[in-house]
């Protein structure tokens, strides 16, 4: 519906006539350009960082975010309208909202309401606007719980789990992995590369004589894993630069390498355990598959509910 949306919205100047201009009408409610701009604008710096100078990719992603922002706001308005027309008693709700705001003040603002108001003013919000936002969020959560099945209550048959496993085995494929320890001896302009190599040979000699690799790593290695004896845990080939990966994955459990000299450092590697590439067995992934299928069903049910609300509502995009 919004394939032709453009990027101008994310960089609109803060003109009152633009901010308050109507973008969508949903029943008796309106969505303004300012609301959409606010949502899209929050993501703009992150998207710009991700795509750098790739203007086409940036524009495509921002257009997608623009479309998603509009649809998300439309869905919220539909849910709020459904609540307003469903005859729910709201006096309990209002008390709950006030209690929730008091909780927020206590947890985030040291119990000081003035701190909250000061923070809101810095964001261009009044207390009344903040309370309305909290009220709408609580209503939407309530309506979701009333109209969409809880994912944990959705029953997924063993047959569906088996079918998913058989048709998505690539998702459960594990690459070759080794449980690795490393000793890293960095080179720098302040030290002689030959001296770094010599230190590596001395360390190797002690390891060959029976000193535990982890002990030597704890004394000599550089990096955050030094305190753990150079323990890098389970890693696949992508964890290491190709030249180191080729050596690490050529070692058998319990073996260590010689001194490996690279331009930036000298390395010693030890493999404690190894697992070849394999597909996880059904029993290992059954719970994950069931959780995935429940979430998919929950999304389907929510979309079914939203579509039903749309059919009963007036929506006009400008």
Protein backbone atom coordinates (compact mmCIF):
# COMPACT_ATOMS: atom_id res chain seq x y z
CA UNK A 1 0.00 0.00 0.00
CA UNK A 2 2.91 2.31 0.79
CA UNK A 3 5.43 1.17 -1.83
CA UNK A 4 5.76 4.73 -3.04
CA UNK A 5 6.58 6.19 0.38
CA UNK A 6 9.65 8.40 0.39
CA UNK A 7 12.34 9.39 2.83
CA UNK A 8 11.37 13.03 3.20
CA UNK A 9 9.27 12.28 6.28
CA UNK A 10 12.30 11.34 8.42
CA UNK A 11 13.93 14.73 7.91
CA UNK A 12 10.94 17.07 7.99
CA UNK A 13 11.54 20.36 9.81
CA UNK A 14 9.65 20.78 13.08
CA UNK A 15 6.93 23.00 11.59
CA UNK A 16 3.66 22.93 13.47
CA UNK A 17 1.59 22.68 10.29
CA UNK A 18 3.53 19.60 9.18
CA UNK A 19 3.65 17.96 12.59
CA UNK A 20 -0.12 18.29 13.08
CA UNK A 21 -1.07 17.44 9.49
CA UNK A 22 -3.34 14.41 9.26
CA UNK A 23 -1.81 11.31 7.69
CA UNK A 24 -4.45 8.69 8.52
CA UNK A 25 -7.94 8.72 9.97
CA UNK A 26 -8.99 5.61 11.90
CA UNK A 27 -12.63 5.80 12.93
CA UNK A 28 -12.78 8.96 15.11
CA UNK A 29 -9.03 9.12 15.68
CA UNK A 30 -6.27 10.68 13.60
CA UNK A 31 -2.61 9.83 13.07
CA UNK A 32 -0.48 12.87 12.34
CA UNK A 33 2.65 13.24 10.27
CA UNK A 34 4.40 14.25 13.47
CA UNK A 35 3.64 10.90 15.12
CA UNK A 36 5.00 9.02 12.12
CA UNK A 37 8.01 11.29 11.85
CA UNK A 38 8.80 10.73 15.52
CA UNK A 39 8.83 6.94 15.16
CA UNK A 40 10.84 6.88 11.93
CA UNK A 41 13.24 9.58 13.09
CA UNK A 42 14.32 7.53 16.09
CA UNK A 43 15.67 4.82 13.82
CA UNK A 44 17.31 7.08 11.22
CA UNK A 45 20.76 7.33 12.89
CA UNK A 46 20.97 3.57 13.37
CA UNK A 47 19.96 2.90 9.76
CA UNK A 48 22.44 5.49 8.50
CA UNK A 49 25.23 3.82 10.48
CA UNK A 50 24.28 0.38 9.20
CA UNK A 51 24.12 1.25 5.51
CA UNK A 52 26.78 3.96 5.37
CA UNK A 53 27.07 5.42 1.88
CA UNK A 54 24.66 2.91 0.32
CA UNK A 55 21.92 5.45 -0.30
CA UNK A 56 19.62 3.01 -2.10
CA UNK A 57 19.70 0.52 0.77
CA UNK A 58 19.23 3.34 3.30
CA UNK A 59 16.21 4.70 1.44
CA UNK A 60 14.71 1.22 1.10
CA UNK A 61 15.09 0.51 4.81
CA UNK A 62 13.72 3.90 5.83
CA UNK A 63 10.72 3.43 3.54
CA UNK A 64 10.10 0.05 5.15
CA UNK A 65 10.28 1.60 8.61
CA UNK A 66 7.91 4.37 7.48
CA UNK A 67 5.36 1.82 6.28
CA UNK A 68 5.70 -0.26 9.44
CA UNK A 69 5.30 2.84 11.63
CA UNK A 70 2.04 3.77 9.89
CA UNK A 71 0.61 0.26 10.11
CA UNK A 72 1.64 -0.06 13.74
CA UNK A 73 -0.09 3.20 14.62
CA UNK A 74 -3.19 2.18 12.67
CA UNK A 75 -3.36 -1.12 14.54
CA UNK A 76 -3.01 0.67 17.88
CA UNK A 77 -5.89 2.99 17.00
CA UNK A 78 -8.03 0.02 15.97
CA UNK A 79 -7.37 -1.74 19.27
CA UNK A 80 -8.06 1.39 21.31
CA UNK A 81 -11.34 1.91 19.42
CA UNK A 82 -12.32 -1.70 20.07
CA UNK A 83 -11.75 -1.14 23.78
CA UNK A 84 -13.74 2.10 23.81
CA UNK A 85 -16.72 0.47 22.09
CA UNK A 86 -16.67 -2.80 24.04
CA UNK A 87 -18.28 -1.47 27.20
CA UNK A 88 -15.43 -2.19 29.59
CA UNK A 89 -15.67 -0.50 32.99
CA UNK A 90 -12.77 1.94 33.18
CA UNK A 91 -12.71 3.07 36.82
CA UNK A 92 -10.53 0.10 37.80
CA UNK A 93 -8.34 0.78 34.76
CA UNK A 94 -7.72 4.40 35.76
CA UNK A 95 -6.66 3.36 39.26
CA UNK A 96 -4.36 0.73 37.77
CA UNK A 97 -2.75 3.34 35.50
CA UNK A 98 -2.11 5.66 38.43
CA UNK A 99 -0.56 2.79 40.39
CA UNK A 100 1.64 1.88 37.41
CA UNK A 101 2.87 5.45 37.06
CA UNK A 102 3.70 5.50 40.77
CA UNK A 103 5.71 2.32 40.24
CA UNK A 104 7.62 3.98 37.39
CA UNK A 105 8.32 7.06 39.51
CA UNK A 106 9.58 4.86 42.34
CA UNK A 107 11.77 2.62 40.18
CA UNK A 108 13.16 5.13 37.69
CA UNK A 109 12.92 8.52 39.37
CA UNK A 110 13.77 7.73 43.01
CA UNK A 111 10.15 8.32 44.01
CA UNK A 112 10.32 11.94 42.93
CA UNK A 113 7.42 13.01 40.70
CA UNK A 114 9.22 16.25 39.88
CA UNK A 115 12.09 14.28 38.34
CA UNK A 116 9.61 12.52 36.05
CA UNK A 117 8.04 15.81 34.96
CA UNK A 118 11.46 17.35 34.33
CA UNK A 119 12.42 14.35 32.17
CA UNK A 120 9.14 14.59 30.26
CA UNK A 121 9.63 18.30 29.56
CA UNK A 122 13.08 17.53 28.15
CA UNK A 123 11.31 15.18 25.70
CA UNK A 124 8.67 17.75 24.81
CA UNK A 125 5.96 15.92 26.77
CA UNK A 126 3.56 16.98 29.47
CA UNK A 127 2.50 14.76 32.35
CA UNK A 128 -0.96 14.46 30.77
CA UNK A 129 0.57 13.29 27.48
CA UNK A 130 2.69 10.74 29.35
CA UNK A 131 -0.30 9.44 31.28
CA UNK A 132 -2.27 9.08 28.05
CA UNK A 133 0.59 7.10 26.51
CA UNK A 134 0.72 4.79 29.53
CA UNK A 135 -3.05 4.38 29.45
CA UNK A 136 -3.00 3.41 25.77
CA UNK A 137 -0.17 0.93 26.26
CA UNK A 138 -2.01 -0.77 29.11
CA UNK A 139 -5.25 -0.92 27.12
CA UNK A 140 -3.46 -2.44 24.11
CA UNK A 141 -1.82 -5.06 26.33
CA UNK A 142 -5.15 -5.86 27.95
CA UNK A 143 -6.97 -6.16 24.62
CA UNK A 144 -4.22 -8.39 23.22
CA UNK A 145 -4.57 -10.70 26.22
CA UNK A 146 -8.35 -10.77 25.80
CA UNK A 147 -8.45 -11.39 22.05
CA UNK A 148 -5.33 -13.41 21.30
CA UNK A 149 -4.52 -16.78 22.80
CA UNK A 150 -1.56 -16.87 25.14
CA UNK A 151 1.29 -18.59 23.23
CA UNK A 152 1.77 -21.01 26.12
CA UNK A 153 -1.86 -22.11 25.80
CA UNK A 154 -1.63 -22.86 22.09
CA UNK A 155 -1.35 -26.59 21.51
CA UNK A 156 1.21 -27.72 18.95
CA UNK A 157 0.92 -31.33 17.88
CA UNK A 158 3.95 -33.66 17.78
CA UNK A 159 3.28 -34.11 14.05
CA UNK A 160 3.69 -30.37 13.38
CA UNK A 161 6.93 -30.35 15.34
CA UNK A 162 8.24 -33.33 13.35
CA UNK A 163 7.24 -31.73 10.05
CA UNK A 164 8.95 -28.47 10.96
CA UNK A 165 12.11 -30.32 11.94
CA UNK A 166 12.21 -32.27 8.68
CA UNK A 167 11.68 -29.20 6.51
CA UNK A 168 14.01 -26.82 8.41
CA UNK A 169 17.04 -28.95 9.14
CA UNK A 170 19.37 -26.20 7.94
CA UNK A 171 18.30 -24.18 10.98
CA UNK A 172 19.66 -26.88 13.26
CA UNK A 173 22.95 -27.52 11.50
CA UNK A 174 26.01 -27.05 13.69
CA UNK A 175 29.37 -26.23 12.10
CA UNK A 176 32.65 -27.81 13.14
CA UNK A 177 33.56 -26.52 16.59
CA UNK A 178 36.50 -26.79 18.93
CA UNK A 179 36.87 -25.92 22.59
CA UNK A 180 39.87 -23.65 22.35
CA UNK A 181 42.53 -22.07 24.51
CA UNK A 182 44.81 -19.39 23.10
CA UNK A 183 47.98 -17.67 24.15
CA UNK A 184 48.35 -14.32 22.39
CA UNK A 185 51.69 -12.49 22.38
CA UNK A 186 51.14 -9.14 20.63
CA UNK A 187 53.79 -7.42 18.56
CA UNK A 188 54.18 -3.68 18.83
CA UNK A 189 56.56 -0.93 17.73
CA UNK A 190 58.03 -1.04 21.23
CA UNK A 191 59.17 -4.65 21.11
CA UNK A 192 61.36 -6.65 18.77
CA UNK A 193 59.37 -9.23 16.77
CA UNK A 194 62.21 -11.68 17.29
CA UNK A 195 61.87 -11.30 21.05
CA UNK A 196 58.14 -12.04 20.85
CA UNK A 197 58.90 -15.18 18.86
CA UNK A 198 61.56 -16.17 21.38
CA UNK A 199 59.10 -15.75 24.25
CA UNK A 200 56.65 -17.95 22.38
CA UNK A 201 59.28 -20.67 21.97
CA UNK A 202 60.10 -20.51 25.68
CA UNK A 203 56.43 -20.87 26.56
CA UNK A 204 56.09 -23.77 24.12
CA UNK A 205 59.07 -25.49 25.71
CA UNK A 206 57.49 -25.28 29.16
CA UNK A 207 54.18 -26.62 27.84
CA UNK A 208 56.00 -29.52 26.16
CA UNK A 209 57.74 -30.24 29.46
CA UNK A 210 54.40 -30.65 31.23
CA UNK A 211 53.36 -27.19 32.44
CA UNK A 212 49.60 -26.86 31.83
CA UNK A 213 48.67 -24.71 28.83
CA UNK A 214 46.10 -22.82 30.91
CA UNK A 215 48.72 -21.94 33.50
CA UNK A 216 51.06 -20.51 30.87
CA UNK A 217 48.20 -18.59 29.29
CA UNK A 218 47.21 -17.07 32.66
CA UNK A 219 50.77 -15.79 33.12
CA UNK A 220 51.74 -14.76 29.59
CA UNK A 221 48.74 -14.26 27.32
CA UNK A 222 47.27 -10.89 26.39
CA UNK A 223 43.57 -10.15 26.25
CA UNK A 224 40.46 -10.48 28.38
CA UNK A 225 40.67 -14.29 28.51
CA UNK A 226 44.01 -14.25 30.32
CA UNK A 227 42.36 -14.70 33.72
CA UNK A 228 40.55 -17.78 32.38
CA UNK A 229 43.76 -19.39 31.17
CA UNK A 230 43.15 -18.30 27.57
CA UNK A 231 39.83 -20.16 27.45
CA UNK A 232 37.81 -19.08 24.38
CA UNK A 233 35.08 -21.68 24.85
CA UNK A 234 33.45 -23.42 21.90
CA UNK A 235 34.21 -21.64 18.61
CA UNK A 236 33.61 -22.32 14.93
CA UNK A 237 35.89 -21.50 12.04
CA UNK A 238 34.51 -17.99 11.63
CA UNK A 239 35.79 -17.02 15.09
CA UNK A 240 39.41 -17.14 13.90
CA UNK A 241 41.26 -15.64 10.99
CA UNK A 242 41.62 -18.31 8.25
CA UNK A 243 45.29 -19.02 8.90
CA UNK A 244 44.63 -19.73 12.58
CA UNK A 245 41.41 -21.64 11.89
CA UNK A 246 43.25 -24.00 9.54
CA UNK A 247 45.67 -24.91 12.35
CA UNK A 248 43.12 -25.05 15.17
CA UNK A 249 40.77 -27.33 13.27
CA UNK A 250 43.68 -29.57 12.32
CA UNK A 251 44.47 -30.32 15.97
CA UNK A 252 43.03 -33.28 17.81
CA UNK A 253 41.59 -32.94 21.34
CA UNK A 254 44.45 -32.50 23.80
CA UNK A 255 46.92 -31.30 21.17
CA UNK A 256 48.51 -27.89 20.99
CA UNK A 257 50.13 -26.00 18.16
CA UNK A 258 53.62 -24.68 17.82
CA UNK A 259 54.32 -20.96 17.81
CA UNK A 260 52.25 -19.41 15.03
CA UNK A 261 53.68 -16.14 13.82
CA UNK A 262 51.34 -13.58 12.31
CA UNK A 263 52.03 -9.92 11.46
CA UNK A 264 50.22 -8.69 14.56
CA UNK A 265 51.15 -11.34 17.14
CA UNK A 266 52.46 -14.80 17.90
CA UNK A 267 49.88 -17.39 18.90
CA UNK A 268 49.80 -20.76 20.60
CA UNK A 269 46.59 -22.78 20.33
CA UNK A 270 45.26 -25.76 22.25
CA UNK A 271 42.17 -27.78 21.45
CA UNK A 272 40.53 -29.40 24.47
CA UNK A 273 37.50 -30.91 22.71
CA UNK A 274 36.08 -31.02 19.19
CA UNK A 275 32.71 -31.67 17.59
CA UNK A 276 32.27 -32.24 13.84
CA UNK A 277 29.52 -30.52 11.88
CA UNK A 278 26.15 -32.16 12.44
CA UNK A 279 22.42 -31.57 12.55
CA UNK A 280 21.02 -31.39 16.06
CA UNK A 281 18.75 -34.28 16.97
CA UNK A 282 15.04 -33.73 17.34
CA UNK A 283 15.18 -34.14 21.13
CA UNK A 284 17.67 -31.26 21.36
CA UNK A 285 15.49 -28.78 19.46
CA UNK A 286 11.94 -29.94 20.22
CA UNK A 287 11.30 -27.17 22.77
CA UNK A 288 12.71 -24.50 20.44
CA UNK A 289 10.53 -25.72 17.56
CA UNK A 290 7.43 -25.78 19.75
CA UNK A 291 8.17 -22.22 20.93
CA UNK A 292 8.66 -21.07 17.34
CA UNK A 293 5.39 -22.63 16.18
CA UNK A 294 3.49 -21.16 19.12
CA UNK A 295 4.81 -17.70 18.32
CA UNK A 296 3.89 -18.10 14.64
CA UNK A 297 0.38 -19.13 15.59
CA UNK A 298 0.09 -16.22 17.99
CA UNK A 299 1.11 -13.81 15.20
CA UNK A 300 -1.43 -15.42 12.85
CA UNK A 301 -4.22 -15.08 15.41
CA UNK A 302 -3.35 -11.46 16.09
CA UNK A 303 -3.37 -10.64 12.37
CA UNK A 304 -6.74 -12.38 12.03
CA UNK A 305 -8.09 -10.20 14.86
CA UNK A 306 -6.63 -6.99 13.38
CA UNK A 307 -8.03 -7.81 9.94
CA UNK A 308 -11.46 -8.30 11.52
CA UNK A 309 -11.20 -4.91 13.22
CA UNK A 310 -10.19 -3.30 9.93
CA UNK A 311 -13.23 -4.69 8.16
CA UNK A 312 -15.49 -3.07 10.77
CA UNK A 313 -13.66 0.27 10.79
CA UNK A 314 -13.28 3.42 8.75
CA UNK A 315 -9.64 3.95 7.66
CA UNK A 316 -8.53 6.67 5.29
CA UNK A 317 -4.89 7.24 4.28
CA UNK A 318 -4.00 10.74 3.08
